[in-house]
Each structure stands twice: as C-alpha cells, then as structure tokens.
Amino acid sequence: SPRLVETLAEGTVITAASAGSAHT
C-alpha cells in the first residue's frame, strides 16, 4: 500500500513523476 518516500533530502518539493519498467 502507498508509503511516503522519506529518503528525499529535507526541503525537496516534487512536482511530477514518471515510472518505467523498474525505475522512477
């Protein structure tokens, strides 16, 4: 089930995403 990604550097703001075969 969806889990927050907490490995991003502090203050990082994500605006878009794309997903491939086994990468993001």
PDBML (XML) file of the C-alpha atoms, coordinates in Angstrom:
<?xml version="1.0" encoding="UTF-8" ?>
<PDBx:datablock datablockName="MODEL"
   xmlns:PDBx="http://pdbml.pdb.org/schema/pdbx-v50.xsd"
   xmlns:xsi="http://www.w3.org/2001/XMLSchema-instance"
   xsi:schemaLocation="http://pdbml.pdb.org/schema/pdbx-v50.xsd pdbx-v50.xsd">
   <PDBx:atom_siteCategory>
      <PDBx:atom_site id="1">
         <PDBx:B_iso_or_equiv>0.00</PDBx:B_iso_or_equiv>
         <PDBx:Cartn_x>0.000</PDBx:Cartn_x>
         <PDBx:Cartn_y>0.000</PDBx:Cartn_y>
         <PDBx:Cartn_z>0.000</PDBx:Cartn_z>
         <PDBx:auth_asym_id>A</PDBx:auth_asym_id>
         <PDBx:auth_atom_id>CA</PDBx:auth_atom_id>
         <PDBx:auth_comp_id>SER</PDBx:auth_comp_id>
         <PDBx:auth_seq_id>1</PDBx:auth_seq_id>
         <PDBx:group_PDB>ATOM</PDBx:group_PDB>
         <PDBx:label_alt_id xsi:nil="true" />
         <PDBx:label_asym_id>A</PDBx:label_asym_id>
         <PDBx:label_atom_id>CA</PDBx:label_atom_id>
         <PDBx:label_comp_id>SER</PDBx:label_comp_id>
         <PDBx:label_entity_id>1</PDBx:label_entity_id>
         <PDBx:label_seq_id>1</PDBx:label_seq_id>
         <PDBx:occupancy>1.00</PDBx:occupancy>
         <PDBx:pdbx_PDB_model_num>1</PDBx:pdbx_PDB_model_num>
         <PDBx:type_symbol>C</PDBx:type_symbol>
      </PDBx:atom_site>
      <PDBx:atom_site id="2">
         <PDBx:B_iso_or_equiv>0.00</PDBx:B_iso_or_equiv>
         <PDBx:Cartn_x>1.256</PDBx:Cartn_x>
         <PDBx:Cartn_y>3.542</PDBx:Cartn_y>
         <PDBx:Cartn_z>-0.633</PDBx:Cartn_z>
         <PDBx:auth_asym_id>A</PDBx:auth_asym_id>
         <PDBx:auth_atom_id>CA</PDBx:auth_atom_id>
         <PDBx:auth_comp_id>PRO</PDBx:auth_comp_id>
         <PDBx:auth_seq_id>2</PDBx:auth_seq_id>
         <PDBx:group_PDB>ATOM</PDBx:group_PDB>
         <PDBx:label_alt_id xsi:nil="true" />
         <PDBx:label_asym_id>A</PDBx:label_asym_id>
         <PDBx:label_atom_id>CA</PDBx:label_atom_id>
         <PDBx:label_comp_id>PRO</PDBx:label_comp_id>
         <PDBx:label_entity_id>1</PDBx:label_entity_id>
         <PDBx:label_seq_id>2</PDBx:label_seq_id>
         <PDBx:occupancy>1.00</PDBx:occupancy>
         <PDBx:pdbx_PDB_model_num>1</PDBx:pdbx_PDB_model_num>
         <PDBx:type_symbol>C</PDBx:type_symbol>
      </PDBx:atom_site>
      <PDBx:atom_site id="3">
         <PDBx:B_iso_or_equiv>0.00</PDBx:B_iso_or_equiv>
         <PDBx:Cartn_x>4.132</PDBx:Cartn_x>
         <PDBx:Cartn_y>4.556</PDBx:Cartn_y>
         <PDBx:Cartn_z>1.610</PDBx:Cartn_z>
         <PDBx:auth_asym_id>A</PDBx:auth_asym_id>
         <PDBx:auth_atom_id>CA</PDBx:auth_atom_id>
         <PDBx:auth_comp_id>ARG</PDBx:auth_comp_id>
         <PDBx:auth_seq_id>3</PDBx:auth_seq_id>
         <PDBx:group_PDB>ATOM</PDBx:group_PDB>
         <PDBx:label_alt_id xsi:nil="true" />
         <PDBx:label_asym_id>A</PDBx:label_asym_id>
         <PDBx:label_atom_id>CA</PDBx:label_atom_id>
         <PDBx:label_comp_id>ARG</PDBx:label_comp_id>
         <PDBx:label_entity_id>1</PDBx:label_entity_id>
         <PDBx:label_seq_id>3</PDBx:label_seq_id>
         <PDBx:occupancy>1.00</PDBx:occupancy>
         <PDBx:pdbx_PDB_model_num>1</PDBx:pdbx_PDB_model_num>
         <PDBx:type_symbol>C</PDBx:type_symbol>
      </PDBx:atom_site>
      <PDBx:atom_site id="4">
         <PDBx:B_iso_or_equiv>0.00</PDBx:B_iso_or_equiv>
         <PDBx:Cartn_x>5.641</PDBx:Cartn_x>
         <PDBx:Cartn_y>8.043</PDBx:Cartn_y>
         <PDBx:Cartn_z>1.857</PDBx:Cartn_z>
         <PDBx:auth_asym_id>A</PDBx:auth_asym_id>
         <PDBx:auth_atom_id>CA</PDBx:auth_atom_id>
         <PDBx:auth_comp_id>LEU</PDBx:auth_comp_id>
         <PDBx:auth_seq_id>4</PDBx:auth_seq_id>
         <PDBx:group_PDB>ATOM</PDBx:group_PDB>
         <PDBx:label_alt_id xsi:nil="true" />
         <PDBx:label_asym_id>A</PDBx:label_asym_id>
         <PDBx:label_atom_id>CA</PDBx:label_atom_id>
         <PDBx:label_comp_id>LEU</PDBx:label_comp_id>
         <PDBx:label_entity_id>1</PDBx:label_entity_id>
         <PDBx:label_seq_id>4</PDBx:label_seq_id>
         <PDBx:occupancy>1.00</PDBx:occupancy>
         <PDBx:pdbx_PDB_model_num>1</PDBx:pdbx_PDB_model_num>
         <PDBx:type_symbol>C</PDBx:type_symbol>
      </PDBx:atom_site>
      <PDBx:atom_site id="5">
         <PDBx:B_iso_or_equiv>0.00</PDBx:B_iso_or_equiv>
         <PDBx:Cartn_x>9.142</PDBx:Cartn_x>
         <PDBx:Cartn_y>8.313</PDBx:Cartn_y>
         <PDBx:Cartn_z>0.410</PDBx:Cartn_z>
         <PDBx:auth_asym_id>A</PDBx:auth_asym_id>
         <PDBx:auth_atom_id>CA</PDBx:auth_atom_id>
         <PDBx:auth_comp_id>VAL</PDBx:auth_comp_id>
         <PDBx:auth_seq_id>5</PDBx:auth_seq_id>
         <PDBx:group_PDB>ATOM</PDBx:group_PDB>
         <PDBx:label_alt_id xsi:nil="true" />
         <PDBx:label_asym_id>A</PDBx:label_asym_id>
         <PDBx:label_atom_id>CA</PDBx:label_atom_id>
         <PDBx:label_comp_id>VAL</PDBx:label_comp_id>
         <PDBx:label_entity_id>1</PDBx:label_entity_id>
         <PDBx:label_seq_id>5</PDBx:label_seq_id>
         <PDBx:occupancy>1.00</PDBx:occupancy>
         <PDBx:pdbx_PDB_model_num>1</PDBx:pdbx_PDB_model_num>
         <PDBx:type_symbol>C</PDBx:type_symbol>
      </PDBx:atom_site>
      <PDBx:atom_site id="6">
         <PDBx:B_iso_or_equiv>0.00</PDBx:B_iso_or_equiv>
         <PDBx:Cartn_x>11.225</PDBx:Cartn_x>
         <PDBx:Cartn_y>9.619</PDBx:Cartn_y>
         <PDBx:Cartn_z>3.297</PDBx:Cartn_z>
         <PDBx:auth_asym_id>A</PDBx:auth_asym_id>
         <PDBx:auth_atom_id>CA</PDBx:auth_atom_id>
         <PDBx:auth_comp_id>GLU</PDBx:auth_comp_id>
         <PDBx:auth_seq_id>6</PDBx:auth_seq_id>
         <PDBx:group_PDB>ATOM</PDBx:group_PDB>
         <PDBx:label_alt_id xsi:nil="true" />
         <PDBx:label_asym_id>A</PDBx:label_asym_id>
         <PDBx:label_atom_id>CA</PDBx:label_atom_id>
         <PDBx:label_comp_id>GLU</PDBx:label_comp_id>
         <PDBx:label_entity_id>1</PDBx:label_entity_id>
         <PDBx:label_seq_id>6</PDBx:label_seq_id>
         <PDBx:occupancy>1.00</PDBx:occupancy>
         <PDBx:pdbx_PDB_model_num>1</PDBx:pdbx_PDB_model_num>
         <PDBx:type_symbol>C</PDBx:type_symbol>
      </PDBx:atom_site>
      <PDBx:atom_site id="7">
         <PDBx:B_iso_or_equiv>0.00</PDBx:B_iso_or_equiv>
         <PDBx:Cartn_x>14.633</PDBx:Cartn_x>
         <PDBx:Cartn_y>9.322</PDBx:Cartn_y>
         <PDBx:Cartn_z>1.652</PDBx:Cartn_z>
         <PDBx:auth_asym_id>A</PDBx:auth_asym_id>
         <PDBx:auth_atom_id>CA</PDBx:auth_atom_id>
         <PDBx:auth_comp_id>THR</PDBx:auth_comp_id>
         <PDBx:auth_seq_id>7</PDBx:auth_seq_id>
         <PDBx:group_PDB>ATOM</PDBx:group_PDB>
         <PDBx:label_alt_id xsi:nil="true" />
         <PDBx:label_asym_id>A</PDBx:label_asym_id>
         <PDBx:label_atom_id>CA</PDBx:label_atom_id>
         <PDBx:label_comp_id>THR</PDBx:label_comp_id>
         <PDBx:label_entity_id>1</PDBx:label_entity_id>
         <PDBx:label_seq_id>7</PDBx:label_seq_id>
         <PDBx:occupancy>1.00</PDBx:occupancy>
         <PDBx:pdbx_PDB_model_num>1</PDBx:pdbx_PDB_model_num>
         <PDBx:type_symbol>C</PDBx:type_symbol>
      </PDBx:atom_site>
      <PDBx:atom_site id="8">
         <PDBx:B_iso_or_equiv>0.00</PDBx:B_iso_or_equiv>
         <PDBx:Cartn_x>14.365</PDBx:Cartn_x>
         <PDBx:Cartn_y>12.667</PDBx:Cartn_y>
         <PDBx:Cartn_z>-0.152</PDBx:Cartn_z>
         <PDBx:auth_asym_id>A</PDBx:auth_asym_id>
         <PDBx:auth_atom_id>CA</PDBx:auth_atom_id>
         <PDBx:auth_comp_id>LEU</PDBx:auth_comp_id>
         <PDBx:auth_seq_id>8</PDBx:auth_seq_id>
         <PDBx:group_PDB>ATOM</PDBx:group_PDB>
         <PDBx:label_alt_id xsi:nil="true" />
         <PDBx:label_asym_id>A</PDBx:label_asym_id>
         <PDBx:label_atom_id>CA</PDBx:label_atom_id>
         <PDBx:label_comp_id>LEU</PDBx:label_comp_id>
         <PDBx:label_entity_id>1</PDBx:label_entity_id>
         <PDBx:label_seq_id>8</PDBx:label_seq_id>
         <PDBx:occupancy>1.00</PDBx:occupancy>
         <PDBx:pdbx_PDB_model_num>1</PDBx:pdbx_PDB_model_num>
         <PDBx:type_symbol>C</PDBx:type_symbol>
      </PDBx:atom_site>
      <PDBx:atom_site id="9">
         <PDBx:B_iso_or_equiv>0.00</PDBx:B_iso_or_equiv>
         <PDBx:Cartn_x>16.595</PDBx:Cartn_x>
         <PDBx:Cartn_y>15.467</PDBx:Cartn_y>
         <PDBx:Cartn_z>1.082</PDBx:Cartn_z>
         <PDBx:auth_asym_id>A</PDBx:auth_asym_id>
         <PDBx:auth_atom_id>CA</PDBx:auth_atom_id>
         <PDBx:auth_comp_id>ALA</PDBx:auth_comp_id>
         <PDBx:auth_seq_id>9</PDBx:auth_seq_id>
         <PDBx:group_PDB>ATOM</PDBx:group_PDB>
         <PDBx:label_alt_id xsi:nil="true" />
         <PDBx:label_asym_id>A</PDBx:label_asym_id>
         <PDBx:label_atom_id>CA</PDBx:label_atom_id>
         <PDBx:label_comp_id>ALA</PDBx:label_comp_id>
         <PDBx:label_entity_id>1</PDBx:label_entity_id>
         <PDBx:label_seq_id>9</PDBx:label_seq_id>
         <PDBx:occupancy>1.00</PDBx:occupancy>
         <PDBx:pdbx_PDB_model_num>1</PDBx:pdbx_PDB_model_num>
         <PDBx:type_symbol>C</PDBx:type_symbol>
      </PDBx:atom_site>
      <PDBx:atom_site id="10">
         <PDBx:B_iso_or_equiv>0.00</PDBx:B_iso_or_equiv>
         <PDBx:Cartn_x>14.886</PDBx:Cartn_x>
         <PDBx:Cartn_y>17.805</PDBx:Cartn_y>
         <PDBx:Cartn_z>3.536</PDBx:Cartn_z>
         <PDBx:auth_asym_id>A</PDBx:auth_asym_id>
         <PDBx:auth_atom_id>CA</PDBx:auth_atom_id>
         <PDBx:auth_comp_id>GLU</PDBx:auth_comp_id>
         <PDBx:auth_seq_id>10</PDBx:auth_seq_id>
         <PDBx:group_PDB>ATOM</PDBx:group_PDB>
         <PDBx:label_alt_id xsi:nil="true" />
         <PDBx:label_asym_id>A</PDBx:label_asym_id>
         <PDBx:label_atom_id>CA</PDBx:label_atom_id>
         <PDBx:label_comp_id>GLU</PDBx:label_comp_id>
         <PDBx:label_entity_id>1</PDBx:label_entity_id>
         <PDBx:label_seq_id>10</PDBx:label_seq_id>
         <PDBx:occupancy>1.00</PDBx:occupancy>
         <PDBx:pdbx_PDB_model_num>1</PDBx:pdbx_PDB_model_num>
         <PDBx:type_symbol>C</PDBx:type_symbol>
      </PDBx:atom_site>
      <PDBx:atom_site id="11">
         <PDBx:B_iso_or_equiv>0.00</PDBx:B_iso_or_equiv>
         <PDBx:Cartn_x>13.015</PDBx:Cartn_x>
         <PDBx:Cartn_y>20.577</PDBx:Cartn_y>
         <PDBx:Cartn_z>1.745</PDBx:Cartn_z>
         <PDBx:auth_asym_id>A</PDBx:auth_asym_id>
         <PDBx:auth_atom_id>CA</PDBx:auth_atom_id>
         <PDBx:auth_comp_id>GLY</PDBx:auth_comp_id>
         <PDBx:auth_seq_id>11</PDBx:auth_seq_id>
         <PDBx:group_PDB>ATOM</PDBx:group_PDB>
         <PDBx:label_alt_id xsi:nil="true" />
         <PDBx:label_asym_id>A</PDBx:label_asym_id>
         <PDBx:label_atom_id>CA</PDBx:label_atom_id>
         <PDBx:label_comp_id>GLY</PDBx:label_comp_id>
         <PDBx:label_entity_id>1</PDBx:label_entity_id>
         <PDBx:label_seq_id>11</PDBx:label_seq_id>
         <PDBx:occupancy>1.00</PDBx:occupancy>
         <PDBx:pdbx_PDB_model_num>1</PDBx:pdbx_PDB_model_num>
         <PDBx:type_symbol>C</PDBx:type_symbol>
      </PDBx:atom_site>
      <PDBx:atom_site id="12">
         <PDBx:B_iso_or_equiv>0.00</PDBx:B_iso_or_equiv>
         <PDBx:Cartn_x>12.743</PDBx:Cartn_x>
         <PDBx:Cartn_y>18.734</PDBx:Cartn_y>
         <PDBx:Cartn_z>-1.578</PDBx:Cartn_z>
         <PDBx:auth_asym_id>A</PDBx:auth_asym_id>
         <PDBx:auth_atom_id>CA</PDBx:auth_atom_id>
         <PDBx:auth_comp_id>THR</PDBx:auth_comp_id>
         <PDBx:auth_seq_id>12</PDBx:auth_seq_id>
         <PDBx:group_PDB>ATOM</PDBx:group_PDB>
         <PDBx:label_alt_id xsi:nil="true" />
         <PDBx:label_asym_id>A</PDBx:label_asym_id>
         <PDBx:label_atom_id>CA</PDBx:label_atom_id>
         <PDBx:label_comp_id>THR</PDBx:label_comp_id>
         <PDBx:label_entity_id>1</PDBx:label_entity_id>
         <PDBx:label_seq_id>12</PDBx:label_seq_id>
         <PDBx:occupancy>1.00</PDBx:occupancy>
         <PDBx:pdbx_PDB_model_num>1</PDBx:pdbx_PDB_model_num>
         <PDBx:type_symbol>C</PDBx:type_symbol>
      </PDBx:atom_site>
      <PDBx:atom_site id="13">
         <PDBx:B_iso_or_equiv>0.00</PDBx:B_iso_or_equiv>
         <PDBx:Cartn_x>9.444</PDBx:Cartn_x>
         <PDBx:Cartn_y>19.528</PDBx:Cartn_y>
         <PDBx:Cartn_z>-3.294</PDBx:Cartn_z>
         <PDBx:auth_asym_id>A</PDBx:auth_asym_id>
         <PDBx:auth_atom_id>CA</PDBx:auth_atom_id>
         <PDBx:auth_comp_id>VAL</PDBx:auth_comp_id>
         <PDBx:auth_seq_id>13</PDBx:auth_seq_id>
         <PDBx:group_PDB>ATOM</PDBx:group_PDB>
         <PDBx:label_alt_id xsi:nil="true" />
         <PDBx:label_asym_id>A</PDBx:label_asym_id>
         <PDBx:label_atom_id>CA</PDBx:label_atom_id>
         <PDBx:label_comp_id>VAL</PDBx:label_comp_id>
         <PDBx:label_entity_id>1</PDBx:label_entity_id>
         <PDBx:label_seq_id>13</PDBx:label_seq_id>
         <PDBx:occupancy>1.00</PDBx:occupancy>
         <PDBx:pdbx_PDB_model_num>1</PDBx:pdbx_PDB_model_num>
         <PDBx:type_symbol>C</PDBx:type_symbol>
      </PDBx:atom_site>
      <PDBx:atom_site id="14">
         <PDBx:B_iso_or_equiv>0.00</PDBx:B_iso_or_equiv>
         <PDBx:Cartn_x>8.393</PDBx:Cartn_x>
         <PDBx:Cartn_y>17.096</PDBx:Cartn_y>
         <PDBx:Cartn_z>-6.027</PDBx:Cartn_z>
         <PDBx:auth_asym_id>A</PDBx:auth_asym_id>
         <PDBx:auth_atom_id>CA</PDBx:auth_atom_id>
         <PDBx:auth_comp_id>ILE</PDBx:auth_comp_id>
         <PDBx:auth_seq_id>14</PDBx:auth_seq_id>
         <PDBx:group_PDB>ATOM</PDBx:group_PDB>
         <PDBx:label_alt_id xsi:nil="true" />
         <PDBx:label_asym_id>A</PDBx:label_asym_id>
         <PDBx:label_atom_id>CA</PDBx:label_atom_id>
         <PDBx:label_comp_id>ILE</PDBx:label_comp_id>
         <PDBx:label_entity_id>1</PDBx:label_entity_id>
         <PDBx:label_seq_id>14</PDBx:label_seq_id>
         <PDBx:occupancy>1.00</PDBx:occupancy>
         <PDBx:pdbx_PDB_model_num>1</PDBx:pdbx_PDB_model_num>
         <PDBx:type_symbol>C</PDBx:type_symbol>
      </PDBx:atom_site>
      <PDBx:atom_site id="15">
         <PDBx:B_iso_or_equiv>0.00</PDBx:B_iso_or_equiv>
         <PDBx:Cartn_x>6.094</PDBx:Cartn_x>
         <PDBx:Cartn_y>18.381</PDBx:Cartn_y>
         <PDBx:Cartn_z>-8.768</PDBx:Cartn_z>
         <PDBx:auth_asym_id>A</PDBx:auth_asym_id>
         <PDBx:auth_atom_id>CA</PDBx:auth_atom_id>
         <PDBx:auth_comp_id>THR</PDBx:auth_comp_id>
         <PDBx:auth_seq_id>15</PDBx:auth_seq_id>
         <PDBx:group_PDB>ATOM</PDBx:group_PDB>
         <PDBx:label_alt_id xsi:nil="true" />
         <PDBx:label_asym_id>A</PDBx:label_asym_id>
         <PDBx:label_atom_id>CA</PDBx:label_atom_id>
         <PDBx:label_comp_id>THR</PDBx:label_comp_id>
         <PDBx:label_entity_id>1</PDBx:label_entity_id>
         <PDBx:label_seq_id>15</PDBx:label_seq_id>
         <PDBx:occupancy>1.00</PDBx:occupancy>
         <PDBx:pdbx_PDB_model_num>1</PDBx:pdbx_PDB_model_num>
         <PDBx:type_symbol>C</PDBx:type_symbol>
      </PDBx:atom_site>
      <PDBx:atom_site id="16">
         <PDBx:B_iso_or_equiv>0.00</PDBx:B_iso_or_equiv>
         <PDBx:Cartn_x>5.934</PDBx:Cartn_x>
         <PDBx:Cartn_y>15.471</PDBx:Cartn_y>
         <PDBx:Cartn_z>-11.236</PDBx:Cartn_z>
         <PDBx:auth_asym_id>A</PDBx:auth_asym_id>
         <PDBx:auth_atom_id>CA</PDBx:auth_atom_id>
         <PDBx:auth_comp_id>ALA</PDBx:auth_comp_id>
         <PDBx:auth_seq_id>16</PDBx:auth_seq_id>
         <PDBx:group_PDB>ATOM</PDBx:group_PDB>
         <PDBx:label_alt_id xsi:nil="true" />
         <PDBx:label_asym_id>A</PDBx:label_asym_id>
         <PDBx:label_atom_id>CA</PDBx:label_atom_id>
         <PDBx:label_comp_id>ALA</PDBx:label_comp_id>
         <PDBx:label_entity_id>1</PDBx:label_entity_id>
         <PDBx:label_seq_id>16</PDBx:label_seq_id>
         <PDBx:occupancy>1.00</PDBx:occupancy>
         <PDBx:pdbx_PDB_model_num>1</PDBx:pdbx_PDB_model_num>
         <PDBx:type_symbol>C</PDBx:type_symbol>
      </PDBx:atom_site>
      <PDBx:atom_site id="17">
         <PDBx:B_iso_or_equiv>0.00</PDBx:B_iso_or_equiv>
         <PDBx:Cartn_x>6.852</PDBx:Cartn_x>
         <PDBx:Cartn_y>11.803</PDBx:Cartn_y>
         <PDBx:Cartn_z>-11.617</PDBx:Cartn_z>
         <PDBx:auth_asym_id>A</PDBx:auth_asym_id>
         <PDBx:auth_atom_id>CA</PDBx:auth_atom_id>
         <PDBx:auth_comp_id>ALA</PDBx:auth_comp_id>
         <PDBx:auth_seq_id>17</PDBx:auth_seq_id>
         <PDBx:group_PDB>ATOM</PDBx:group_PDB>
         <PDBx:label_alt_id xsi:nil="true" />
         <PDBx:label_asym_id>A</PDBx:label_asym_id>
         <PDBx:label_atom_id>CA</PDBx:label_atom_id>
         <PDBx:label_comp_id>ALA</PDBx:label_comp_id>
         <PDBx:label_entity_id>1</PDBx:label_entity_id>
         <PDBx:label_seq_id>17</PDBx:label_seq_id>
         <PDBx:occupancy>1.00</PDBx:occupancy>
         <PDBx:pdbx_PDB_model_num>1</PDBx:pdbx_PDB_model_num>
         <PDBx:type_symbol>C</PDBx:type_symbol>
      </PDBx:atom_site>
      <PDBx:atom_site id="18">
         <PDBx:B_iso_or_equiv>0.00</PDBx:B_iso_or_equiv>
         <PDBx:Cartn_x>7.276</PDBx:Cartn_x>
         <PDBx:Cartn_y>9.193</PDBx:Cartn_y>
         <PDBx:Cartn_z>-14.309</PDBx:Cartn_z>
         <PDBx:auth_asym_id>A</PDBx:auth_asym_id>
         <PDBx:auth_atom_id>CA</PDBx:auth_atom_id>
         <PDBx:auth_comp_id>SER</PDBx:auth_comp_id>
         <PDBx:auth_seq_id>18</PDBx:auth_seq_id>
         <PDBx:group_PDB>ATOM</PDBx:group_PDB>
         <PDBx:label_alt_id xsi:nil="true" />
         <PDBx:label_asym_id>A</PDBx:label_asym_id>
         <PDBx:label_atom_id>CA</PDBx:label_atom_id>
         <PDBx:label_comp_id>SER</PDBx:label_comp_id>
         <PDBx:label_entity_id>1</PDBx:label_entity_id>
         <PDBx:label_seq_id>18</PDBx:label_seq_id>
         <PDBx:occupancy>1.00</PDBx:occupancy>
         <PDBx:pdbx_PDB_model_num>1</PDBx:pdbx_PDB_model_num>
         <PDBx:type_symbol>C</PDBx:type_symbol>
      </PDBx:atom_site>
      <PDBx:atom_site id="19">
         <PDBx:B_iso_or_equiv>0.00</PDBx:B_iso_or_equiv>
         <PDBx:Cartn_x>7.657</PDBx:Cartn_x>
         <PDBx:Cartn_y>5.433</PDBx:Cartn_y>
         <PDBx:Cartn_z>-13.886</PDBx:Cartn_z>
         <PDBx:auth_asym_id>A</PDBx:auth_asym_id>
         <PDBx:auth_atom_id>CA</PDBx:auth_atom_id>
         <PDBx:auth_comp_id>ALA</PDBx:auth_comp_id>
         <PDBx:auth_seq_id>19</PDBx:auth_seq_id>
         <PDBx:group_PDB>ATOM</PDBx:group_PDB>
         <PDBx:label_alt_id xsi:nil="true" />
         <PDBx:label_asym_id>A</PDBx:label_asym_id>
         <PDBx:label_atom_id>CA</PDBx:label_atom_id>
         <PDBx:label_comp_id>ALA</PDBx:label_comp_id>
         <PDBx:label_entity_id>1</PDBx:label_entity_id>
         <PDBx:label_seq_id>19</PDBx:label_seq_id>
         <PDBx:occupancy>1.00</PDBx:occupancy>
         <PDBx:pdbx_PDB_model_num>1</PDBx:pdbx_PDB_model_num>
         <PDBx:type_symbol>C</PDBx:type_symbol>
      </PDBx:atom_site>
      <PDBx:atom_site id="20">
         <PDBx:B_iso_or_equiv>0.00</PDBx:B_iso_or_equiv>
         <PDBx:Cartn_x>9.418</PDBx:Cartn_x>
         <PDBx:Cartn_y>2.953</PDBx:Cartn_y>
         <PDBx:Cartn_z>-16.153</PDBx:Cartn_z>
         <PDBx:auth_asym_id>A</PDBx:auth_asym_id>
         <PDBx:auth_atom_id>CA</PDBx:auth_atom_id>
         <PDBx:auth_comp_id>GLY</PDBx:auth_comp_id>
         <PDBx:auth_seq_id>20</PDBx:auth_seq_id>
         <PDBx:group_PDB>ATOM</PDBx:group_PDB>
         <PDBx:label_alt_id xsi:nil="true" />
         <PDBx:label_asym_id>A</PDBx:label_asym_id>
         <PDBx:label_atom_id>CA</PDBx:label_atom_id>
         <PDBx:label_comp_id>GLY</PDBx:label_comp_id>
         <PDBx:label_entity_id>1</PDBx:label_entity_id>
         <PDBx:label_seq_id>20</PDBx:label_seq_id>
         <PDBx:occupancy>1.00</PDBx:occupancy>
         <PDBx:pdbx_PDB_model_num>1</PDBx:pdbx_PDB_model_num>
         <PDBx:type_symbol>C</PDBx:type_symbol>
      </PDBx:atom_site>
      <PDBx:atom_site id="21">
         <PDBx:B_iso_or_equiv>0.00</PDBx:B_iso_or_equiv>
         <PDBx:Cartn_x>9.817</PDBx:Cartn_x>
         <PDBx:Cartn_y>-0.815</PDBx:Cartn_y>
         <PDBx:Cartn_z>-16.072</PDBx:Cartn_z>
         <PDBx:auth_asym_id>A</PDBx:auth_asym_id>
         <PDBx:auth_atom_id>CA</PDBx:auth_atom_id>
         <PDBx:auth_comp_id>SER</PDBx:auth_comp_id>
         <PDBx:auth_seq_id>21</PDBx:auth_seq_id>
         <PDBx:group_PDB>ATOM</PDBx:group_PDB>
         <PDBx:label_alt_id xsi:nil="true" />
         <PDBx:label_asym_id>A</PDBx:label_asym_id>
         <PDBx:label_atom_id>CA</PDBx:label_atom_id>
         <PDBx:label_comp_id>SER</PDBx:label_comp_id>
         <PDBx:label_entity_id>1</PDBx:label_entity_id>
         <PDBx:label_seq_id>21</PDBx:label_seq_id>
         <PDBx:occupancy>1.00</PDBx:occupancy>
         <PDBx:pdbx_PDB_model_num>1</PDBx:pdbx_PDB_model_num>
         <PDBx:type_symbol>C</PDBx:type_symbol>
      </PDBx:atom_site>
      <PDBx:atom_site id="22">
         <PDBx:B_iso_or_equiv>0.00</PDBx:B_iso_or_equiv>
         <PDBx:Cartn_x>11.676</PDBx:Cartn_x>
         <PDBx:Cartn_y>-0.901</PDBx:Cartn_y>
         <PDBx:Cartn_z>-12.749</PDBx:Cartn_z>
         <PDBx:auth_asym_id>A</PDBx:auth_asym_id>
         <PDBx:auth_atom_id>CA</PDBx:auth_atom_id>
         <PDBx:auth_comp_id>ALA</PDBx:auth_comp_id>
         <PDBx:auth_seq_id>22</PDBx:auth_seq_id>
         <PDBx:group_PDB>ATOM</PDBx:group_PDB>
         <PDBx:label_alt_id xsi:nil="true" />
         <PDBx:label_asym_id>A</PDBx:label_asym_id>
         <PDBx:label_atom_id>CA</PDBx:label_atom_id>
         <PDBx:label_comp_id>ALA</PDBx:label_comp_id>
         <PDBx:label_entity_id>1</PDBx:label_entity_id>
         <PDBx:label_seq_id>22</PDBx:label_seq_id>
         <PDBx:occupancy>1.00</PDBx:occupancy>
         <PDBx:pdbx_PDB_model_num>1</PDBx:pdbx_PDB_model_num>
         <PDBx:type_symbol>C</PDBx:type_symbol>
      </PDBx:atom_site>
      <PDBx:atom_site id="23">
         <PDBx:B_iso_or_equiv>0.00</PDBx:B_iso_or_equiv>
         <PDBx:Cartn_x>12.809</PDBx:Cartn_x>
         <PDBx:Cartn_y>2.662</PDBx:Cartn_y>
         <PDBx:Cartn_z>-12.193</PDBx:Cartn_z>
         <PDBx:auth_asym_id>A</PDBx:auth_asym_id>
         <PDBx:auth_atom_id>CA</PDBx:auth_atom_id>
         <PDBx:auth_comp_id>HIS</PDBx:auth_comp_id>
         <PDBx:auth_seq_id>23</PDBx:auth_seq_id>
         <PDBx:group_PDB>ATOM</PDBx:group_PDB>
         <PDBx:label_alt_id xsi:nil="true" />
         <PDBx:label_asym_id>A</PDBx:label_asym_id>
         <PDBx:label_atom_id>CA</PDBx:label_atom_id>
         <PDBx:label_comp_id>HIS</PDBx:label_comp_id>
         <PDBx:label_entity_id>1</PDBx:label_entity_id>
         <PDBx:label_seq_id>23</PDBx:label_seq_id>
         <PDBx:occupancy>1.00</PDBx:occupancy>
         <PDBx:pdbx_PDB_model_num>1</PDBx:pdbx_PDB_model_num>
         <PDBx:type_symbol>C</PDBx:type_symbol>
      </PDBx:atom_site>
      <PDBx:atom_site id="24">
         <PDBx:B_iso_or_equiv>0.00</PDBx:B_iso_or_equiv>
         <PDBx:Cartn_x>11.303</PDBx:Cartn_x>
         <PDBx:Cartn_y>6.004</PDBx:Cartn_y>
         <PDBx:Cartn_z>-11.247</PDBx:Cartn_z>
         <PDBx:auth_asym_id>A</PDBx:auth_asym_id>
         <PDBx:auth_atom_id>CA</PDBx:auth_atom_id>
         <PDBx:auth_comp_id>THR</PDBx:auth_comp_id>
         <PDBx:auth_seq_id>24</PDBx:auth_seq_id>
         <PDBx:group_PDB>ATOM</PDBx:group_PDB>
         <PDBx:label_alt_id xsi:nil="true" />
         <PDBx:label_asym_id>A</PDBx:label_asym_id>
         <PDBx:label_atom_id>CA</PDBx:label_atom_id>
         <PDBx:label_comp_id>THR</PDBx:label_comp_id>
         <PDBx:label_entity_id>1</PDBx:label_entity_id>
         <PDBx:label_seq_id>24</PDBx:label_seq_id>
         <PDBx:occupancy>1.00</PDBx:occupancy>
         <PDBx:pdbx_PDB_model_num>1</PDBx:pdbx_PDB_model_num>
         <PDBx:type_symbol>C</PDBx:type_symbol>
      </PDBx:atom_site>
   </PDBx:atom_siteCategory>
</PDBx:datablock>
